[in-house]
């Protein structure tokens, strides 16, 4: 049973919002100017919310992550829906099929990143923006760079989950 008070839940959300702010700053303002592919930290953070807190929290947190990604990443509002879906799906997957731990997060994050980059490549290929080889030369390094941040992003979410109590209880 969930014994969290309204105050506890507010503090938990503030902790997750701080994690979102820090991830956004690192992603777009620290790593963005570097000559490396821009990692996809916010989709991974949405997955972490779902993995750690459940599907409802993951969907809401995914909306927030998507709004920040849309604003700072120069992307359309469709990424809000995508990140909400990633958080929700990760919550459901770790509730029913995988463990609600780092391994569940790794698997769900890898799936989300492959879907994200697969969609980006597919839609650009169908619109004849560039040849598939060129699109993959951009997407594969982005995917590999994003993989390097799966665990640090998970640890940020896990810190919020462990130190401020889990909202979702099985």
N, C-alpha and C. Protein backbone atom coordinates (compact mmCIF):
# COMPACT_ATOMS: atom_id res chain seq x y z
N UNK A 1 0.84 -1.19 0.00
CA UNK A 1 0.00 0.00 0.00
C UNK A 1 0.88 1.24 0.00
N UNK A 2 0.43 2.28 -0.66
CA UNK A 2 1.18 3.51 -0.78
C UNK A 2 0.86 4.41 0.40
N UNK A 3 1.86 4.71 1.21
CA UNK A 3 1.68 5.55 2.40
C UNK A 3 2.25 6.94 2.20
N UNK A 4 2.45 7.34 0.96
CA UNK A 4 3.02 8.66 0.70
C UNK A 4 1.95 9.73 0.89
N UNK A 5 2.33 10.81 1.56
CA UNK A 5 1.43 11.94 1.72
C UNK A 5 1.51 12.81 0.47
N UNK A 6 0.60 13.75 0.38
CA UNK A 6 0.63 14.69 -0.74
C UNK A 6 1.96 15.45 -0.77
N UNK A 7 2.44 15.81 0.39
CA UNK A 7 3.74 16.51 0.50
C UNK A 7 4.86 15.63 -0.04
N UNK A 8 4.85 14.34 0.31
CA UNK A 8 5.87 13.40 -0.18
C UNK A 8 5.85 13.32 -1.71
N UNK A 9 4.66 13.27 -2.27
CA UNK A 9 4.52 13.17 -3.72
C UNK A 9 5.01 14.44 -4.40
N UNK A 10 4.71 15.59 -3.82
CA UNK A 10 5.19 16.86 -4.38
C UNK A 10 6.71 16.91 -4.34
N UNK A 11 7.29 16.51 -3.23
CA UNK A 11 8.76 16.49 -3.13
C UNK A 11 9.36 15.53 -4.14
N UNK A 12 8.72 14.38 -4.31
CA UNK A 12 9.18 13.40 -5.31
C UNK A 12 9.16 14.02 -6.69
N UNK A 13 8.07 14.68 -7.06
CA UNK A 13 7.97 15.30 -8.38
C UNK A 13 9.02 16.40 -8.55
N UNK A 14 9.26 17.16 -7.51
CA UNK A 14 10.29 18.20 -7.59
C UNK A 14 11.66 17.57 -7.85
N UNK A 15 11.94 16.45 -7.18
CA UNK A 15 13.21 15.76 -7.40
C UNK A 15 13.32 15.29 -8.85
N UNK A 16 12.25 14.71 -9.38
CA UNK A 16 12.28 14.26 -10.78
C UNK A 16 12.39 15.44 -11.74
N UNK A 17 11.77 16.57 -11.43
CA UNK A 17 11.88 17.75 -12.29
C UNK A 17 13.29 18.32 -12.26
N UNK A 18 13.93 18.26 -11.11
CA UNK A 18 15.34 18.69 -11.03
C UNK A 18 16.21 17.76 -11.88
N UNK A 19 15.95 16.46 -11.81
CA UNK A 19 16.69 15.51 -12.64
C UNK A 19 16.46 15.82 -14.12
N UNK A 20 15.23 16.16 -14.49
CA UNK A 20 14.93 16.51 -15.87
C UNK A 20 15.68 17.78 -16.28
N UNK A 21 15.69 18.77 -15.42
CA UNK A 21 16.42 20.01 -15.72
C UNK A 21 17.92 19.77 -15.89
N UNK A 22 18.49 18.97 -14.99
CA UNK A 22 19.92 18.67 -15.09
C UNK A 22 20.24 17.88 -16.36
N UNK A 23 19.41 16.90 -16.68
CA UNK A 23 19.63 16.11 -17.90
C UNK A 23 19.53 16.99 -19.14
N UNK A 24 18.58 17.91 -19.15
CA UNK A 24 18.42 18.81 -20.30
C UNK A 24 19.63 19.74 -20.44
N UNK A 25 20.09 20.27 -19.34
CA UNK A 25 21.26 21.16 -19.38
C UNK A 25 22.49 20.40 -19.89
N UNK A 26 22.72 19.22 -19.33
CA UNK A 26 23.87 18.42 -19.78
C UNK A 26 23.71 18.06 -21.25
N UNK A 27 22.52 17.61 -21.64
CA UNK A 27 22.29 17.16 -23.01
C UNK A 27 22.48 18.28 -24.04
N UNK A 28 21.83 19.40 -23.80
CA UNK A 28 21.78 20.43 -24.83
C UNK A 28 22.82 21.54 -24.67
N UNK A 29 23.25 21.82 -23.44
CA UNK A 29 24.17 22.94 -23.24
C UNK A 29 25.60 22.53 -22.93
N UNK A 30 25.79 21.34 -22.39
CA UNK A 30 27.15 20.85 -22.14
C UNK A 30 27.62 19.99 -23.31
N UNK A 31 26.81 18.99 -23.68
CA UNK A 31 27.21 18.08 -24.76
C UNK A 31 26.86 18.63 -26.15
N UNK A 32 25.85 19.46 -26.24
CA UNK A 32 25.41 20.01 -27.52
C UNK A 32 26.50 20.70 -28.32
N UNK A 33 27.28 21.57 -27.71
CA UNK A 33 28.33 22.26 -28.48
C UNK A 33 29.54 21.38 -28.82
N UNK A 34 29.67 20.22 -28.19
CA UNK A 34 30.82 19.37 -28.44
C UNK A 34 30.71 18.69 -29.81
N UNK A 35 31.84 18.36 -30.41
CA UNK A 35 31.81 17.72 -31.74
C UNK A 35 31.53 16.21 -31.65
N UNK A 36 30.46 15.87 -30.95
CA UNK A 36 30.03 14.47 -30.84
C UNK A 36 28.55 14.42 -31.23
N UNK A 37 28.05 13.25 -31.58
CA UNK A 37 26.61 13.16 -31.84
C UNK A 37 25.82 13.50 -30.58
N UNK A 38 24.73 14.22 -30.75
CA UNK A 38 23.92 14.63 -29.60
C UNK A 38 23.17 13.41 -29.06
N UNK A 39 23.43 13.03 -27.81
CA UNK A 39 22.72 11.86 -27.25
C UNK A 39 21.25 12.17 -26.99
N UNK A 40 20.48 11.12 -26.88
CA UNK A 40 19.05 11.22 -26.61
C UNK A 40 18.81 10.91 -25.13
N UNK A 41 19.16 11.85 -24.26
CA UNK A 41 19.04 11.60 -22.84
C UNK A 41 17.60 11.70 -22.34
N UNK A 42 16.79 12.57 -22.92
CA UNK A 42 15.44 12.77 -22.39
C UNK A 42 14.50 11.60 -22.71
N UNK A 43 14.59 10.97 -23.88
CA UNK A 43 13.80 9.75 -24.05
C UNK A 43 14.20 8.66 -23.04
N UNK A 44 15.48 8.56 -22.75
CA UNK A 44 15.95 7.58 -21.77
C UNK A 44 15.45 7.94 -20.37
N UNK A 45 15.38 9.23 -20.08
CA UNK A 45 14.86 9.66 -18.77
C UNK A 45 13.37 9.35 -18.65
N UNK A 46 12.62 9.51 -19.72
CA UNK A 46 11.19 9.14 -19.69
C UNK A 46 11.04 7.65 -19.43
N UNK A 47 11.89 6.85 -20.05
CA UNK A 47 11.88 5.40 -19.82
C UNK A 47 12.22 5.10 -18.36
N UNK A 48 13.19 5.81 -17.81
CA UNK A 48 13.57 5.59 -16.40
C UNK A 48 12.38 5.88 -15.48
N UNK A 49 11.64 6.95 -15.76
CA UNK A 49 10.46 7.25 -14.94
C UNK A 49 9.45 6.11 -14.97
N UNK A 50 9.19 5.58 -16.15
CA UNK A 50 8.26 4.46 -16.26
C UNK A 50 8.78 3.19 -15.62
N UNK A 51 10.06 2.92 -15.83
CA UNK A 51 10.67 1.72 -15.26
C UNK A 51 10.60 1.74 -13.74
N UNK A 52 10.92 2.88 -13.16
CA UNK A 52 11.03 2.98 -11.70
C UNK A 52 9.70 3.22 -11.00
N UNK A 53 8.80 3.94 -11.65
CA UNK A 53 7.59 4.39 -10.95
C UNK A 53 6.29 3.83 -11.50
N UNK A 54 6.33 3.18 -12.65
CA UNK A 54 5.12 2.60 -13.21
C UNK A 54 4.60 3.35 -14.41
N UNK A 55 3.60 2.78 -15.09
CA UNK A 55 3.14 3.35 -16.37
C UNK A 55 2.49 4.73 -16.27
N UNK A 56 1.70 4.98 -15.26
CA UNK A 56 1.04 6.28 -15.15
C UNK A 56 2.06 7.39 -14.93
N UNK A 57 2.98 7.17 -13.99
CA UNK A 57 4.02 8.15 -13.76
C UNK A 57 4.88 8.31 -15.01
N UNK A 58 5.24 7.17 -15.64
CA UNK A 58 6.07 7.21 -16.83
C UNK A 58 5.45 8.04 -17.95
N UNK A 59 4.15 7.90 -18.13
CA UNK A 59 3.46 8.67 -19.18
C UNK A 59 3.48 10.16 -18.86
N UNK A 60 3.17 10.52 -17.62
CA UNK A 60 3.18 11.94 -17.23
C UNK A 60 4.58 12.53 -17.31
N UNK A 61 5.55 11.78 -16.82
CA UNK A 61 6.93 12.25 -16.86
C UNK A 61 7.42 12.31 -18.31
N UNK A 62 6.99 11.37 -19.13
CA UNK A 62 7.33 11.39 -20.54
C UNK A 62 6.79 12.63 -21.24
N UNK A 63 5.60 13.07 -20.86
CA UNK A 63 5.05 14.31 -21.42
C UNK A 63 5.96 15.48 -21.09
N UNK A 64 6.40 15.55 -19.84
CA UNK A 64 7.29 16.65 -19.43
C UNK A 64 8.64 16.56 -20.15
N UNK A 65 9.19 15.36 -20.22
CA UNK A 65 10.46 15.17 -20.93
C UNK A 65 10.29 15.54 -22.41
N UNK A 66 9.17 15.15 -22.99
CA UNK A 66 8.90 15.47 -24.39
C UNK A 66 8.74 16.96 -24.63
N UNK A 67 8.11 17.65 -23.70
CA UNK A 67 7.95 19.10 -23.84
C UNK A 67 9.31 19.80 -23.83
N UNK A 68 10.18 19.36 -22.93
CA UNK A 68 11.53 19.94 -22.88
C UNK A 68 12.31 19.57 -24.13
N UNK A 69 12.22 18.31 -24.56
CA UNK A 69 12.90 17.86 -25.78
C UNK A 69 12.40 18.65 -26.99
N UNK A 70 11.10 18.88 -27.05
CA UNK A 70 10.52 19.62 -28.16
C UNK A 70 11.03 21.06 -28.18
N UNK A 71 11.08 21.67 -27.01
CA UNK A 71 11.51 23.06 -26.92
C UNK A 71 13.00 23.26 -27.16
N UNK A 72 13.81 22.45 -26.54
CA UNK A 72 15.26 22.62 -26.64
C UNK A 72 15.88 21.89 -27.81
N UNK A 73 15.26 20.82 -28.25
CA UNK A 73 15.83 20.01 -29.31
C UNK A 73 15.33 20.38 -30.69
N UNK A 74 14.59 21.49 -30.79
CA UNK A 74 14.06 21.94 -32.08
C UNK A 74 13.29 20.83 -32.79
N UNK A 75 12.41 20.18 -32.07
CA UNK A 75 11.62 19.10 -32.65
C UNK A 75 10.14 19.46 -32.54
N UNK A 76 9.34 18.78 -33.32
CA UNK A 76 7.90 19.07 -33.29
C UNK A 76 7.26 18.46 -32.05
N UNK A 77 6.02 18.79 -31.85
CA UNK A 77 5.31 18.34 -30.65
C UNK A 77 5.06 16.84 -30.65
N UNK A 78 5.28 16.17 -31.75
CA UNK A 78 5.12 14.72 -31.79
C UNK A 78 6.04 14.00 -30.83
N UNK A 79 7.16 14.64 -30.50
CA UNK A 79 8.06 13.98 -29.55
C UNK A 79 7.46 13.94 -28.15
N UNK A 80 6.52 14.83 -27.85
CA UNK A 80 5.84 14.79 -26.55
C UNK A 80 5.05 13.49 -26.44
N UNK A 81 4.30 13.17 -27.49
CA UNK A 81 3.53 11.93 -27.50
C UNK A 81 4.46 10.72 -27.49
N UNK A 82 5.56 10.79 -28.23
CA UNK A 82 6.48 9.66 -28.30
C UNK A 82 7.10 9.37 -26.93
N UNK A 83 7.54 10.41 -26.22
CA UNK A 83 8.16 10.20 -24.92
C UNK A 83 7.13 9.76 -23.88
N UNK A 84 5.90 10.25 -23.99
CA UNK A 84 4.84 9.77 -23.10
C UNK A 84 4.61 8.28 -23.35
N UNK A 85 4.59 7.89 -24.61
CA UNK A 85 4.43 6.48 -24.95
C UNK A 85 5.60 5.64 -24.45
N UNK A 86 6.82 6.15 -24.57
CA UNK A 86 7.99 5.42 -24.08
C UNK A 86 7.91 5.21 -22.57
N UNK A 87 7.56 6.26 -21.82
CA UNK A 87 7.45 6.13 -20.36
C UNK A 87 6.35 5.17 -19.96
N UNK A 88 5.21 5.28 -20.61
CA UNK A 88 4.07 4.39 -20.32
C UNK A 88 4.41 2.94 -20.66
N UNK A 89 4.99 2.72 -21.84
CA UNK A 89 5.33 1.35 -22.26
C UNK A 89 6.40 0.74 -21.36
N UNK A 90 7.38 1.54 -20.95
CA UNK A 90 8.41 1.02 -20.04
C UNK A 90 7.79 0.63 -18.70
N UNK A 91 6.85 1.44 -18.22
CA UNK A 91 6.16 1.11 -16.97
C UNK A 91 5.38 -0.18 -17.06
N UNK A 92 4.64 -0.34 -18.16
CA UNK A 92 3.88 -1.58 -18.34
C UNK A 92 4.80 -2.79 -18.52
N UNK A 93 5.85 -2.60 -19.30
CA UNK A 93 6.77 -3.71 -19.57
C UNK A 93 7.46 -4.18 -18.30
N UNK A 94 7.89 -3.24 -17.47
CA UNK A 94 8.57 -3.63 -16.23
C UNK A 94 7.58 -4.06 -15.16
N UNK A 95 6.33 -3.75 -15.33
CA UNK A 95 5.31 -4.20 -14.38
C UNK A 95 4.94 -5.66 -14.66
N UNK A 96 4.88 -6.02 -15.96
CA UNK A 96 4.36 -7.34 -16.31
C UNK A 96 5.37 -8.31 -16.92
N UNK A 97 6.42 -7.81 -17.56
CA UNK A 97 7.31 -8.72 -18.30
C UNK A 97 8.75 -8.70 -17.82
N UNK A 98 9.27 -7.55 -17.47
CA UNK A 98 10.66 -7.43 -17.05
C UNK A 98 10.73 -7.01 -15.59
N UNK A 99 11.92 -7.11 -15.04
CA UNK A 99 12.10 -6.65 -13.67
C UNK A 99 12.19 -5.13 -13.64
N UNK A 100 11.77 -4.56 -12.55
CA UNK A 100 11.80 -3.11 -12.35
C UNK A 100 13.16 -2.73 -11.78
N UNK A 101 14.21 -2.94 -12.59
CA UNK A 101 15.57 -2.67 -12.15
C UNK A 101 16.39 -2.17 -13.33
N UNK A 102 17.70 -2.15 -13.15
CA UNK A 102 18.58 -1.62 -14.19
C UNK A 102 18.48 -2.43 -15.49
N UNK A 103 18.27 -3.74 -15.38
CA UNK A 103 18.16 -4.57 -16.59
C UNK A 103 16.90 -4.26 -17.36
N UNK A 104 15.80 -4.10 -16.66
CA UNK A 104 14.57 -3.70 -17.31
C UNK A 104 14.71 -2.34 -17.98
N UNK A 105 15.39 -1.43 -17.29
CA UNK A 105 15.63 -0.10 -17.85
C UNK A 105 16.51 -0.18 -19.09
N UNK A 106 17.55 -0.97 -19.04
CA UNK A 106 18.45 -1.11 -20.19
C UNK A 106 17.70 -1.62 -21.42
N UNK A 107 16.90 -2.65 -21.23
CA UNK A 107 16.16 -3.24 -22.34
C UNK A 107 15.13 -2.24 -22.90
N UNK A 108 14.39 -1.60 -22.01
CA UNK A 108 13.37 -0.64 -22.46
C UNK A 108 14.02 0.58 -23.12
N UNK A 109 15.15 1.03 -22.59
CA UNK A 109 15.84 2.18 -23.18
C UNK A 109 16.38 1.84 -24.56
N UNK A 110 16.97 0.67 -24.69
CA UNK A 110 17.47 0.26 -26.00
C UNK A 110 16.33 0.20 -27.02
N UNK A 111 15.20 -0.36 -26.61
CA UNK A 111 14.04 -0.42 -27.51
C UNK A 111 13.57 0.98 -27.89
N UNK A 112 13.50 1.89 -26.91
CA UNK A 112 13.05 3.25 -27.19
C UNK A 112 14.01 3.97 -28.13
N UNK A 113 15.30 3.81 -27.91
CA UNK A 113 16.29 4.48 -28.76
C UNK A 113 16.26 3.93 -30.19
N UNK A 114 16.11 2.63 -30.32
CA UNK A 114 16.03 2.03 -31.66
C UNK A 114 14.76 2.51 -32.37
N UNK A 115 13.64 2.57 -31.65
CA UNK A 115 12.40 3.08 -32.24
C UNK A 115 12.54 4.55 -32.64
N UNK A 116 13.14 5.35 -31.77
CA UNK A 116 13.30 6.78 -32.04
C UNK A 116 14.15 7.00 -33.30
N UNK A 117 15.33 6.38 -33.33
CA UNK A 117 16.20 6.56 -34.49
C UNK A 117 15.65 5.86 -35.73
N UNK A 118 15.01 4.71 -35.54
CA UNK A 118 14.39 4.02 -36.67
C UNK A 118 13.31 4.87 -37.32
N UNK A 119 12.49 5.51 -36.48
CA UNK A 119 11.45 6.40 -37.00
C UNK A 119 12.08 7.57 -37.75
N UNK A 120 13.11 8.19 -37.13
CA UNK A 120 13.76 9.35 -37.76
C UNK A 120 14.37 8.98 -39.11
N UNK A 121 15.04 7.85 -39.17
CA UNK A 121 15.63 7.41 -40.43
C UNK A 121 14.54 7.06 -41.43
N UNK A 122 13.56 6.29 -41.00
CA UNK A 122 12.50 5.84 -41.90
C UNK A 122 11.72 6.98 -42.52
N UNK A 123 11.34 7.96 -41.70
CA UNK A 123 10.53 9.07 -42.22
C UNK A 123 11.34 9.92 -43.18
N UNK A 124 12.61 10.13 -42.88
CA UNK A 124 13.47 10.92 -43.78
C UNK A 124 13.76 10.16 -45.08
N UNK A 125 13.90 8.85 -44.96
CA UNK A 125 14.14 8.04 -46.16
C UNK A 125 12.91 8.05 -47.07
N UNK A 126 11.73 7.91 -46.47
CA UNK A 126 10.50 7.93 -47.26
C UNK A 126 10.24 9.29 -47.90
N UNK A 127 10.70 10.34 -47.27
CA UNK A 127 10.55 11.70 -47.83
C UNK A 127 11.69 12.04 -48.80
N UNK A 128 12.59 11.10 -49.01
CA UNK A 128 13.73 11.28 -49.91
C UNK A 128 14.61 12.46 -49.50
N UNK A 129 14.80 12.62 -48.19
CA UNK A 129 15.66 13.69 -47.68
C UNK A 129 17.12 13.38 -48.00
N UNK A 130 17.49 12.12 -47.84
CA UNK A 130 18.87 11.71 -48.09
C UNK A 130 18.88 10.21 -48.34
N UNK A 131 19.94 9.70 -48.95
CA UNK A 131 20.06 8.25 -49.13
C UNK A 131 20.17 7.55 -47.77
N UNK A 132 19.77 6.30 -47.73
CA UNK A 132 19.77 5.53 -46.50
C UNK A 132 21.16 5.48 -45.86
N UNK A 133 22.19 5.34 -46.67
CA UNK A 133 23.56 5.28 -46.14
C UNK A 133 23.92 6.54 -45.36
N UNK A 134 23.54 7.69 -45.88
CA UNK A 134 23.81 8.96 -45.20
C UNK A 134 23.00 9.05 -43.91
N UNK A 135 21.75 8.67 -43.96
CA UNK A 135 20.90 8.72 -42.77
C UNK A 135 21.44 7.82 -41.66
N UNK A 136 21.91 6.65 -42.04
CA UNK A 136 22.47 5.72 -41.05
C UNK A 136 23.79 6.23 -40.49
N UNK A 137 24.55 6.97 -41.31
CA UNK A 137 25.81 7.55 -40.81
C UNK A 137 25.57 8.59 -39.73
N UNK A 138 24.39 9.14 -39.68
CA UNK A 138 24.01 10.07 -38.61
C UNK A 138 23.38 9.32 -37.45
N UNK A 139 22.46 8.41 -37.75
CA UNK A 139 21.66 7.75 -36.72
C UNK A 139 22.48 6.77 -35.88
N UNK A 140 23.35 6.00 -36.47
CA UNK A 140 24.10 4.99 -35.72
C UNK A 140 25.02 5.62 -34.68
N UNK A 141 25.83 6.66 -35.02
CA UNK A 141 26.64 7.30 -33.97
C UNK A 141 25.78 7.95 -32.87
N UNK A 142 24.62 8.51 -33.27
CA UNK A 142 23.72 9.09 -32.26
C UNK A 142 23.23 8.00 -31.31
N UNK A 143 22.87 6.86 -31.86
CA UNK A 143 22.41 5.74 -31.04
C UNK A 143 23.53 5.26 -30.11
N UNK A 144 24.72 5.11 -30.63
CA UNK A 144 25.84 4.64 -29.80
C UNK A 144 26.19 5.65 -28.70
N UNK A 145 26.16 6.92 -29.04
CA UNK A 145 26.43 7.95 -28.03
C UNK A 145 25.33 7.95 -26.96
N UNK A 146 24.10 7.73 -27.37
CA UNK A 146 22.99 7.67 -26.41
C UNK A 146 23.12 6.49 -25.47
N UNK A 147 23.63 5.37 -25.97
CA UNK A 147 23.81 4.18 -25.13
C UNK A 147 24.74 4.47 -23.96
N UNK A 148 25.71 5.34 -24.17
CA UNK A 148 26.65 5.68 -23.11
C UNK A 148 25.98 6.39 -21.93
N UNK A 149 24.79 6.95 -22.16
CA UNK A 149 24.12 7.71 -21.10
C UNK A 149 22.96 6.97 -20.47
N UNK A 150 22.72 5.73 -20.87
CA UNK A 150 21.60 4.99 -20.31
C UNK A 150 21.76 4.80 -18.79
N UNK A 151 22.93 4.38 -18.36
CA UNK A 151 23.12 4.13 -16.92
C UNK A 151 23.17 5.42 -16.10
N UNK A 152 23.90 6.46 -16.51
CA UNK A 152 23.85 7.69 -15.70
C UNK A 152 22.44 8.27 -15.57
N UNK A 153 21.66 8.21 -16.63
CA UNK A 153 20.29 8.71 -16.56
C UNK A 153 19.45 7.84 -15.63
N UNK A 154 19.64 6.53 -15.70
CA UNK A 154 18.93 5.62 -14.80
C UNK A 154 19.28 5.93 -13.34
N UNK A 155 20.55 6.15 -13.07
CA UNK A 155 20.97 6.43 -11.69
C UNK A 155 20.35 7.72 -11.17
N UNK A 156 20.18 8.72 -12.04
CA UNK A 156 19.53 9.96 -11.62
C UNK A 156 18.08 9.67 -11.23
N UNK A 157 17.39 8.90 -12.05
CA UNK A 157 16.01 8.54 -11.73
C UNK A 157 15.92 7.65 -10.50
N UNK A 158 16.84 6.73 -10.40
CA UNK A 158 16.85 5.81 -9.25
C UNK A 158 17.09 6.57 -7.95
N UNK A 159 17.95 7.60 -8.00
CA UNK A 159 18.18 8.44 -6.83
C UNK A 159 16.87 9.05 -6.36
N UNK A 160 16.10 9.60 -7.30
CA UNK A 160 14.80 10.20 -6.94
C UNK A 160 13.86 9.14 -6.38
N UNK A 161 13.84 7.97 -6.98
CA UNK A 161 12.94 6.90 -6.57
C UNK A 161 13.28 6.38 -5.18
N UNK A 162 14.55 6.12 -4.96
CA UNK A 162 14.99 5.52 -3.69
C UNK A 162 14.93 6.53 -2.54
N UNK A 163 15.40 7.75 -2.77
CA UNK A 163 15.50 8.71 -1.67
C UNK A 163 14.19 9.41 -1.33
N UNK A 164 13.23 9.34 -2.24
CA UNK A 164 11.97 10.03 -1.98
C UNK A 164 10.77 9.10 -2.01
N UNK A 165 11.00 7.79 -2.00
CA UNK A 165 9.91 6.82 -1.95
C UNK A 165 9.30 6.57 -3.31
N UNK A 166 9.00 5.33 -3.59
CA UNK A 166 8.39 4.97 -4.86
C UNK A 166 6.92 5.31 -4.83
N UNK A 167 6.44 6.01 -5.85
CA UNK A 167 5.04 6.39 -5.93
C UNK A 167 4.19 5.15 -6.22
N UNK A 168 4.65 4.35 -7.17
CA UNK A 168 3.88 3.17 -7.59
C UNK A 168 4.31 1.98 -6.75
N UNK A 169 3.38 1.28 -6.21
CA UNK A 169 3.67 0.04 -5.46
C UNK A 169 2.87 -1.09 -6.05
N UNK A 170 3.51 -2.24 -6.17
CA UNK A 170 2.86 -3.41 -6.76
C UNK A 170 1.95 -4.07 -5.75
